[in-house]
PDB file of N, CA and C in Angstrom:
ATOM      1  N   UNK A   1      12.889  -0.959 -27.913  1.00  0.00           N
ATOM      2  CA  UNK A   1      12.704  -2.303 -26.936  1.00  0.00           C
ATOM      3  C   UNK A   1      12.870  -3.462 -28.072  1.00  0.00           C
ATOM      4  N   UNK A   2      13.538  -4.201 -27.738  1.00  0.00           N
ATOM      5  CA  UNK A   2      13.304  -5.692 -28.305  1.00  0.00           C
ATOM      6  C   UNK A   2      12.333  -6.736 -27.725  1.00  0.00           C
ATOM      7  N   UNK A   3      12.412  -7.813 -28.430  1.00  0.00           N
ATOM      8  CA  UNK A   3      11.386  -8.907 -27.597  1.00  0.00           C
ATOM      9  C   UNK A   3      11.914  -9.369 -26.794  1.00  0.00           C
ATOM     10  N   UNK A   4      13.172  -9.476 -26.388  1.00  0.00           N
ATOM     11  CA  UNK A   4      14.118  -9.949 -25.354  1.00  0.00           C
ATOM     12  C   UNK A   4      14.046  -8.964 -24.033  1.00  0.00           C
ATOM     13  N   UNK A   5      13.768  -7.491 -24.350  1.00  0.00           N
ATOM     14  CA  UNK A   5      13.704  -6.486 -23.427  1.00  0.00           C
ATOM     15  C   UNK A   5      12.435  -6.189 -22.855  1.00  0.00           C
ATOM     16  N   UNK A   6      12.282  -6.580 -21.539  1.00  0.00           N
ATOM     17  CA  UNK A   6      10.689  -6.452 -21.222  1.00  0.00           C
ATOM     18  C   UNK A   6      10.471  -5.000 -20.432  1.00  0.00           C
ATOM     19  N   UNK A   7       9.594  -4.282 -20.656  1.00  0.00           N
ATOM     20  CA  UNK A   7       9.431  -2.615 -19.984  1.00  0.00           C
ATOM     21  C   UNK A   7       9.319  -3.063 -18.490  1.00  0.00           C
ATOM     22  N   UNK A   8       8.762  -4.454 -18.393  1.00  0.00           N
ATOM     23  CA  UNK A   8       8.407  -4.236 -16.568  1.00  0.00           C
ATOM     24  C   UNK A   8       9.681  -3.994 -15.731  1.00  0.00           C
ATOM     25  N   UNK A   9      10.706  -3.952 -16.159  1.00  0.00           N
ATOM     26  CA  UNK A   9      11.759  -3.739 -15.192  1.00  0.00           C
ATOM     27  C   UNK A   9      12.400  -2.165 -15.684  1.00  0.00           C
ATOM     28  N   UNK A  10      11.750  -1.216 -16.401  1.00  0.00           N
ATOM     29  CA  UNK A  10      12.310  -0.361 -16.967  1.00  0.00           C
ATOM     30  C   UNK A  10      11.650   0.826 -15.890  1.00  0.00           C
ATOM     31  N   UNK A  11      12.669   1.745 -16.145  1.00  0.00           N
ATOM     32  CA  UNK A  11      12.254   2.973 -15.099  1.00  0.00           C
ATOM     33  C   UNK A  11      10.916   3.772 -16.042  1.00  0.00           C
ATOM     34  N   UNK A  12      10.246   4.367 -15.046  1.00  0.00           N
ATOM     35  CA  UNK A  12       8.776   5.195 -15.909  1.00  0.00           C
ATOM     36  C   UNK A  12       8.662   6.334 -14.746  1.00  0.00           C
ATOM     37  N   UNK A  13       8.152   7.286 -15.362  1.00  0.00           N
ATOM     38  CA  UNK A  13       7.346   8.260 -14.513  1.00  0.00           C
ATOM     39  C   UNK A  13       6.407   8.366 -14.481  1.00  0.00           C
ATOM     40  N   UNK A  14       5.643   8.650 -13.325  1.00  0.00           N
ATOM     41  CA  UNK A  14       4.254   8.374 -13.180  1.00  0.00           C
ATOM     42  C   UNK A  14       4.024  10.134 -12.417  1.00  0.00           C
ATOM     43  N   UNK A  15       3.189  10.944 -12.866  1.00  0.00           N
ATOM     44  CA  UNK A  15       3.060  12.134 -12.248  1.00  0.00           C
ATOM     45  C   UNK A  15       4.242  12.648 -12.135  1.00  0.00           C
ATOM     46  N   UNK A  16       4.740  12.957 -10.514  1.00  0.00           N
ATOM     47  CA  UNK A  16       5.781  13.393 -10.078  1.00  0.00           C
ATOM     48  C   UNK A  16       6.707  12.673  -9.664  1.00  0.00           C
ATOM     49  N   UNK A  17       6.433  11.426  -9.502  1.00  0.00           N
ATOM     50  CA  UNK A  17       7.021  10.099  -8.999  1.00  0.00           C
ATOM     51  C   UNK A  17       7.748   9.025 -10.249  1.00  0.00           C
ATOM     52  N   UNK A  18       9.221   9.047  -9.742  1.00  0.00           N
ATOM     53  CA  UNK A  18      10.131   8.252 -10.928  1.00  0.00           C
ATOM     54  C   UNK A  18       9.987   6.700 -10.261  1.00  0.00           C
ATOM     55  N   UNK A  19       9.693   5.988 -11.093  1.00  0.00           N
ATOM     56  CA  UNK A  19       9.639   4.582 -10.276  1.00  0.00           C
ATOM     57  C   UNK A  19      10.664   3.992 -10.886  1.00  0.00           C
ATOM     58  N   UNK A  20      11.585   2.894 -10.366  1.00  0.00           N
ATOM     59  CA  UNK A  20      12.454   2.148 -10.775  1.00  0.00           C
ATOM     60  C   UNK A  20      11.948   0.991 -11.505  1.00  0.00           C
ATOM     61  N   UNK A  21      10.731   0.558 -11.729  1.00  0.00           N
ATOM     62  CA  UNK A  21      10.390  -0.434 -12.552  1.00  0.00           C
ATOM     63  C   UNK A  21       8.893  -0.390 -12.161  1.00  0.00           C
ATOM     64  N   UNK A  22       8.082  -1.116 -13.110  1.00  0.00           N
ATOM     65  CA  UNK A  22       6.561  -0.984 -13.259  1.00  0.00           C
ATOM     66  C   UNK A  22       5.841  -2.112 -12.822  1.00  0.00           C
ATOM     67  N   UNK A  23       6.256  -2.539 -11.479  1.00  0.00           N
ATOM     68  CA  UNK A  23       5.567  -3.600 -10.361  1.00  0.00           C
ATOM     69  C   UNK A  23       5.225  -2.687  -9.808  1.00  0.00           C
ATOM     70  N   UNK A  24       3.922  -2.781  -9.637  1.00  0.00           N
ATOM     71  CA  UNK A  24       3.096  -2.077  -8.478  1.00  0.00           C
ATOM     72  C   UNK A  24       2.379  -3.124  -7.517  1.00  0.00           C
ATOM     73  N   UNK A  25       2.412  -3.039  -6.161  1.00  0.00           N
ATOM     74  CA  UNK A  25       1.776  -3.775  -4.956  1.00  0.00           C
ATOM     75  C   UNK A  25       0.223  -3.291  -5.143  1.00  0.00           C
ATOM     76  N   UNK A  26      -0.551  -4.380  -5.594  1.00  0.00           N
ATOM     77  CA  UNK A  26      -1.883  -3.698  -5.358  1.00  0.00           C
ATOM     78  C   UNK A  26      -2.670  -3.860  -3.866  1.00  0.00           C
ATOM     79  N   UNK A  27      -3.690  -3.272  -3.931  1.00  0.00           N
ATOM     80  CA  UNK A  27      -4.276  -3.142  -2.561  1.00  0.00           C
ATOM     81  C   UNK A  27      -4.866  -4.456  -2.007  1.00  0.00           C
ATOM     82  N   UNK A  28      -4.406  -5.106  -1.049  1.00  0.00           N
ATOM     83  CA  UNK A  28      -5.022  -6.295  -0.183  1.00  0.00           C
ATOM     84  C   UNK A  28      -5.371  -5.971   1.081  1.00  0.00           C
ATOM     85  N   UNK A  29      -6.370  -6.375   1.472  1.00  0.00           N
ATOM     86  CA  UNK A  29      -7.178  -6.126   2.891  1.00  0.00           C
ATOM     87  C   UNK A  29      -6.416  -7.335   3.641  1.00  0.00           C
ATOM     88  N   UNK A  30      -5.263  -6.583   4.566  1.00  0.00           N
ATOM     89  CA  UNK A  30      -4.541  -7.348   5.667  1.00  0.00           C
ATOM     90  C   UNK A  30      -5.489  -7.717   6.804  1.00  0.00           C
ATOM     91  N   UNK A  31      -6.407  -6.649   7.227  1.00  0.00           N
ATOM     92  CA  UNK A  31      -6.934  -6.811   8.529  1.00  0.00           C
ATOM     93  C   UNK A  31      -5.922  -6.872   9.748  1.00  0.00           C
ATOM     94  N   UNK A  32      -5.230  -6.010   9.926  1.00  0.00           N
ATOM     95  CA  UNK A  32      -3.809  -5.892  10.526  1.00  0.00           C
ATOM     96  C   UNK A  32      -3.950  -4.666  11.824  1.00  0.00           C
ATOM     97  N   UNK A  33      -5.112  -4.106  11.857  1.00  0.00           N
ATOM     98  CA  UNK A  33      -5.405  -2.793  12.631  1.00  0.00           C
ATOM     99  C   UNK A  33      -5.931  -3.520  14.090  1.00  0.00           C
ATOM    100  N   UNK A  34      -6.022  -2.580  14.895  1.00  0.00           N
ATOM    101  CA  UNK A  34      -6.670  -3.244  16.131  1.00  0.00           C
ATOM    102  C   UNK A  34      -7.933  -2.989  16.524  1.00  0.00           C
ATOM    103  N   UNK A  35      -8.618  -3.672  17.363  1.00  0.00           N
ATOM    104  CA  UNK A  35     -10.302  -3.562  17.208  1.00  0.00           C
ATOM    105  C   UNK A  35     -10.699  -2.341  17.125  1.00  0.00           C
ATOM    106  N   UNK A  36      -9.896  -1.245  17.468  1.00  0.00           N
ATOM    107  CA  UNK A  36     -10.420   0.373  17.432  1.00  0.00           C
ATOM    108  C   UNK A  36      -9.980   0.875  15.907  1.00  0.00           C
ATOM    109  N   UNK A  37      -9.554   0.190  15.094  1.00  0.00           N
ATOM    110  CA  UNK A  37      -9.398   0.317  13.641  1.00  0.00           C
ATOM    111  C   UNK A  37      -8.067   1.221  13.622  1.00  0.00           C
ATOM    112  N   UNK A  38      -7.390   1.002  14.403  1.00  0.00           N
ATOM    113  CA  UNK A  38      -6.148   1.888  14.652  1.00  0.00           C
ATOM    114  C   UNK A  38      -4.762   0.744  13.796  1.00  0.00           C
ATOM    115  N   UNK A  39      -4.248   1.362  12.900  1.00  0.00           N
ATOM    116  CA  UNK A  39      -3.435   0.403  12.274  1.00  0.00           C
ATOM    117  C   UNK A  39      -2.139  -0.127  13.341  1.00  0.00           C
ATOM    118  N   UNK A  40      -1.794  -1.423  13.470  1.00  0.00           N
ATOM    119  CA  UNK A  40      -0.632  -1.574  14.575  1.00  0.00           C
ATOM    120  C   UNK A  40       0.433  -1.981  13.909  1.00  0.00           C
ATOM    121  N   UNK A  41       1.365  -2.534  14.902  1.00  0.00           N
ATOM    122  CA  UNK A  41       2.625  -2.613  14.348  1.00  0.00           C
ATOM    123  C   UNK A  41       2.833  -3.180  13.169  1.00  0.00           C
ATOM    124  N   UNK A  42       1.994  -4.610  12.978  1.00  0.00           N
ATOM    125  CA  UNK A  42       2.052  -5.658  11.878  1.00  0.00           C
ATOM    126  C   UNK A  42       1.908  -4.758  10.354  1.00  0.00           C
ATOM    127  N   UNK A  43       0.858  -3.805  10.699  1.00  0.00           N
ATOM    128  CA  UNK A  43       0.827  -3.290   9.228  1.00  0.00           C
ATOM    129  C   UNK A  43       1.752  -2.182   9.149  1.00  0.00           C
ATOM    130  N   UNK A  44       2.668  -1.673   9.949  1.00  0.00           N
ATOM    131  CA  UNK A  44       3.672  -0.772   9.819  1.00  0.00           C
ATOM    132  C   UNK A  44       4.982  -1.377   9.222  1.00  0.00           C
ATOM    133  N   UNK A  45       4.895  -2.719   9.913  1.00  0.00           N
ATOM    134  CA  UNK A  45       5.879  -3.884   9.246  1.00  0.00           C
ATOM    135  C   UNK A  45       5.960  -4.457   7.936  1.00  0.00           C
ATOM    136  N   UNK A  46       4.549  -4.441   7.596  1.00  0.00           N
ATOM    137  CA  UNK A  46       3.969  -4.934   6.216  1.00  0.00           C
ATOM    138  C   UNK A  46       4.301  -4.183   5.186  1.00  0.00           C
ATOM    139  N   UNK A  47       4.020  -2.551   5.473  1.00  0.00           N
ATOM    140  CA  UNK A  47       4.141  -1.925   4.395  1.00  0.00           C
ATOM    141  C   UNK A  47       5.757  -1.409   4.354  1.00  0.00           C
ATOM    142  N   UNK A  48       6.610  -1.323   5.298  1.00  0.00           N
ATOM    143  CA  UNK A  48       7.669  -0.834   5.219  1.00  0.00           C
ATOM    144  C   UNK A  48       8.615  -2.157   4.664  1.00  0.00           C
ATOM    145  N   UNK A  49       8.461  -3.009   4.658  1.00  0.00           N
ATOM    146  CA  UNK A  49       9.042  -4.298   4.216  1.00  0.00           C
ATOM    147  C   UNK A  49       8.647  -3.929   2.593  1.00  0.00           C
ATOM    148  N   UNK A  50       7.350  -4.032   2.223  1.00  0.00           N
ATOM    149  CA  UNK A  50       7.279  -4.139   0.985  1.00  0.00           C
ATOM    150  C   UNK A  50       7.538  -2.666  -0.299  1.00  0.00           C
ATOM    151  N   UNK A  51       7.833  -1.547   0.937  1.00  0.00           N
ATOM    152  CA  UNK A  51       8.134  -0.330   0.118  1.00  0.00           C
ATOM    153  C   UNK A  51       9.588  -0.071   0.627  1.00  0.00           C
ATOM    154  N   UNK A  52      10.277  -0.712   0.933  1.00  0.00           N
ATOM    155  CA  UNK A  52      11.761  -0.215   1.250  1.00  0.00           C
ATOM    156  C   UNK A  52      12.862  -0.358  -0.064  1.00  0.00           C
ATOM    157  N   UNK A  53      12.414  -0.728  -1.206  1.00  0.00           N
ATOM    158  CA  UNK A  53      13.143  -0.550  -2.070  1.00  0.00           C
ATOM    159  C   UNK A  53      12.778   0.975  -2.816  1.00  0.00           C
ATOM    160  N   UNK A  54      13.775   1.725  -2.817  1.00  0.00           N
ATOM    161  CA  UNK A  54      13.534   3.144  -3.710  1.00  0.00           C
ATOM    162  C   UNK A  54      12.980   2.753  -5.112  1.00  0.00           C
ATOM    163  N   UNK A  55      12.185   3.886  -5.244  1.00  0.00           N
ATOM    164  CA  UNK A  55      11.429   3.805  -6.512  1.00  0.00           C
ATOM    165  C   UNK A  55      10.352   2.755  -6.740  1.00  0.00           C
ATOM    166  N   UNK A  56       9.729   2.098  -5.477  1.00  0.00           N
ATOM    167  CA  UNK A  56       8.577   1.018  -5.490  1.00  0.00           C
ATOM    168  C   UNK A  56       7.278   1.965  -5.345  1.00  0.00           C
ATOM    169  N   UNK A  57       6.220   1.349  -5.555  1.00  0.00           N
ATOM    170  CA  UNK A  57       5.018   2.105  -5.636  1.00  0.00           C
ATOM    171  C   UNK A  57       3.950   0.900  -5.218  1.00  0.00           C
ATOM    172  N   UNK A  58       3.490   1.342  -4.011  1.00  0.00           N
ATOM    173  CA  UNK A  58       2.245   0.750  -3.556  1.00  0.00           C
ATOM    174  C   UNK A  58       1.306   1.250  -3.033  1.00  0.00           C
ATOM    175  N   UNK A  59       0.151   0.321  -3.181  1.00  0.00           N
ATOM    176  CA  UNK A  59      -1.201   1.041  -2.923  1.00  0.00           C
ATOM    177  C   UNK A  59      -1.843   0.458  -1.600  1.00  0.00           C
ATOM    178  N   UNK A  60      -2.120   0.947  -0.846  1.00  0.00           N
ATOM    179  CA  UNK A  60      -2.626   0.340   0.345  1.00  0.00           C
ATOM    180  C   UNK A  60      -3.655  -0.336   0.809  1.00  0.00           C
ATOM    181  N   UNK A  61      -4.163  -1.005   1.469  1.00  0.00           N
ATOM    182  CA  UNK A  61      -5.590  -1.578   1.552  1.00  0.00           C
ATOM    183  C   UNK A  61      -6.774  -0.537   1.845  1.00  0.00           C
ATOM    184  N   UNK A  62      -8.006  -0.851   1.714  1.00  0.00           N
ATOM    185  CA  UNK A  62      -8.974   0.085   1.810  1.00  0.00           C
ATOM    186  C   UNK A  62      -8.856   0.464   3.287  1.00  0.00           C
ATOM    187  N   UNK A  63      -9.487   1.506   3.332  1.00  0.00           N
ATOM    188  CA  UNK A  63      -9.561   2.440   5.058  1.00  0.00           C
ATOM    189  C   UNK A  63     -10.890   2.625   5.385  1.00  0.00           C
ATOM    190  N   UNK A  64     -11.676   2.587   6.161  1.00  0.00           N
ATOM    191  CA  UNK A  64     -12.852   3.283   6.646  1.00  0.00           C
ATOM    192  C   UNK A  64     -12.219   4.934   7.003  1.00  0.00           C
ATOM    193  N   UNK A  65     -13.451   5.570   6.412  1.00  0.00           N
ATOM    194  CA  UNK A  65     -13.399   6.880   6.949  1.00  0.00           C
ATOM    195  C   UNK A  65     -14.325   7.362   7.943  1.00  0.00           C
ATOM    196  N   UNK A  66     -14.978   6.661   8.790  1.00  0.00           N
ATOM    197  CA  UNK A  66     -15.763   6.958  10.038  1.00  0.00           C
ATOM    198  C   UNK A  66     -16.282   5.766  10.727  1.00  0.00           C
ATOM    199  N   UNK A  67     -16.100   6.195  11.932  1.00  0.00           N
ATOM    200  CA  UNK A  67     -15.983   4.925  12.752  1.00  0.00           C
ATOM    201  C   UNK A  67     -17.235   3.916  12.749  1.00  0.00           C
ATOM    202  N   UNK A  68     -18.357   4.320  12.281  1.00  0.00           N
ATOM    203  CA  UNK A  68     -19.600   3.522  12.036  1.00  0.00           C
ATOM    204  C   UNK A  68     -19.327   2.916  10.751  1.00  0.00           C
ATOM    205  N   UNK A  69     -18.616   3.207   9.824  1.00  0.00           N
ATOM    206  CA  UNK A  69     -18.751   2.791   8.553  1.00  0.00           C
ATOM    207  C   UNK A  69     -17.959   1.435   8.336  1.00  0.00           C
ATOM    208  N   UNK A  70     -17.258   0.990   8.979  1.00  0.00           N
ATOM    209  CA  UNK A  70     -16.720  -0.232   8.782  1.00  0.00           C
ATOM    210  C   UNK A  70     -17.571  -1.514   8.674  1.00  0.00           C
ATOM    211  N   UNK A  71     -17.577  -2.386   7.890  1.00  0.00           N
ATOM    212  CA  UNK A  71     -18.119  -3.676   8.199  1.00  0.00           C
ATOM    213  C   UNK A  71     -17.750  -4.722   8.564  1.00  0.00           C
ATOM    214  N   UNK A  72     -16.228  -4.666   8.661  1.00  0.00           N
ATOM    215  CA  UNK A  72     -15.213  -5.713   9.087  1.00  0.00           C
ATOM    216  C   UNK A  72     -14.568  -5.679  10.210  1.00  0.00           C
ATOM    217  N   UNK A  73     -14.212  -6.273  11.036  1.00  0.00           N
ATOM    218  CA  UNK A  73     -13.074  -6.032  11.946  1.00  0.00           C
ATOM    219  C   UNK A  73     -11.893  -5.884  11.524  1.00  0.00           C
ATOM    220  N   UNK A  74     -11.071  -5.242  12.483  1.00  0.00           N
ATOM    221  CA  UNK A  74      -9.345  -4.933  12.044  1.00  0.00           C
ATOM    222  C   UNK A  74      -9.196  -4.369  10.899  1.00  0.00           C
ATOM    223  N   UNK A  75     -10.139  -3.538  10.116  1.00  0.00           N
ATOM    224  CA  UNK A  75      -9.670  -2.967   9.012  1.00  0.00           C
ATOM    225  C   UNK A  75      -9.309  -1.293   9.373  1.00  0.00           C
ATOM    226  N   UNK A  76      -8.070  -0.952   8.812  1.00  0.00           N
ATOM    227  CA  UNK A  76      -7.877   0.149   9.263  1.00  0.00           C
ATOM    228  C   UNK A  76      -8.592   1.693   9.080  1.00  0.00           C
ATOM    229  N   UNK A  77      -8.889   2.142  10.025  1.00  0.00           N
ATOM    230  CA  UNK A  77      -9.340   3.716   9.919  1.00  0.00           C
ATOM    231  C   UNK A  77      -8.704   4.574   9.783  1.00  0.00           C
ATOM    232  N   UNK A  78      -9.021   6.014   9.165  1.00  0.00           N
ATOM    233  CA  UNK A  78      -8.275   7.139   8.707  1.00  0.00           C
ATOM    234  C   UNK A  78      -9.257   8.265   9.376  1.00  0.00           C
ATOM    235  N   UNK A  79     -10.062   8.276  10.243  1.00  0.00           N
ATOM    236  CA  UNK A  79     -11.084   8.963  10.742  1.00  0.00           C
ATOM    237  C   UNK A  79     -10.211   9.450  12.248  1.00  0.00           C
ATOM    238  N   UNK A  80      -9.302   9.279  12.612  1.00  0.00           N
ATOM    239  CA  UNK A  80      -8.838   9.826  13.932  1.00  0.00           C
ATOM    240  C   UNK A  80      -7.209  10.087  13.703  1.00  0.00           C
ATOM    241  N   UNK A  81      -6.750  11.008  14.595  1.00  0.00           N
ATOM    242  CA  UNK A  81      -5.086  11.314  14.560  1.00  0.00           C
ATOM    243  C   UNK A  81      -4.626  10.331  14.962  1.00  0.00           C
ATOM    244  N   UNK A  82      -4.725   9.064  15.712  1.00  0.00           N
ATOM    245  CA  UNK A  82      -3.920   8.084  16.153  1.00  0.00           C
ATOM    246  C   UNK A  82      -3.355   7.164  14.996  1.00  0.00           C
TER     247      UNK A  82
END
């Protein structure tokens, strides 16, 4: 790789995943869940837009694992099948 060629846009294999580039979306707190901590349609749209390019890696926002564990409103939870 020369100084004019960046590895940033080069494919890479991470475990079993093949990524088309090395740009990763870091976790961001979006607060787009409903008041009962179930992710809403805005969350689905947000992640589907950002993950629509094949070979893209994104890390989701933090989630709560128990109904009473949340310290913030509208944070998604993963303690229910909803």
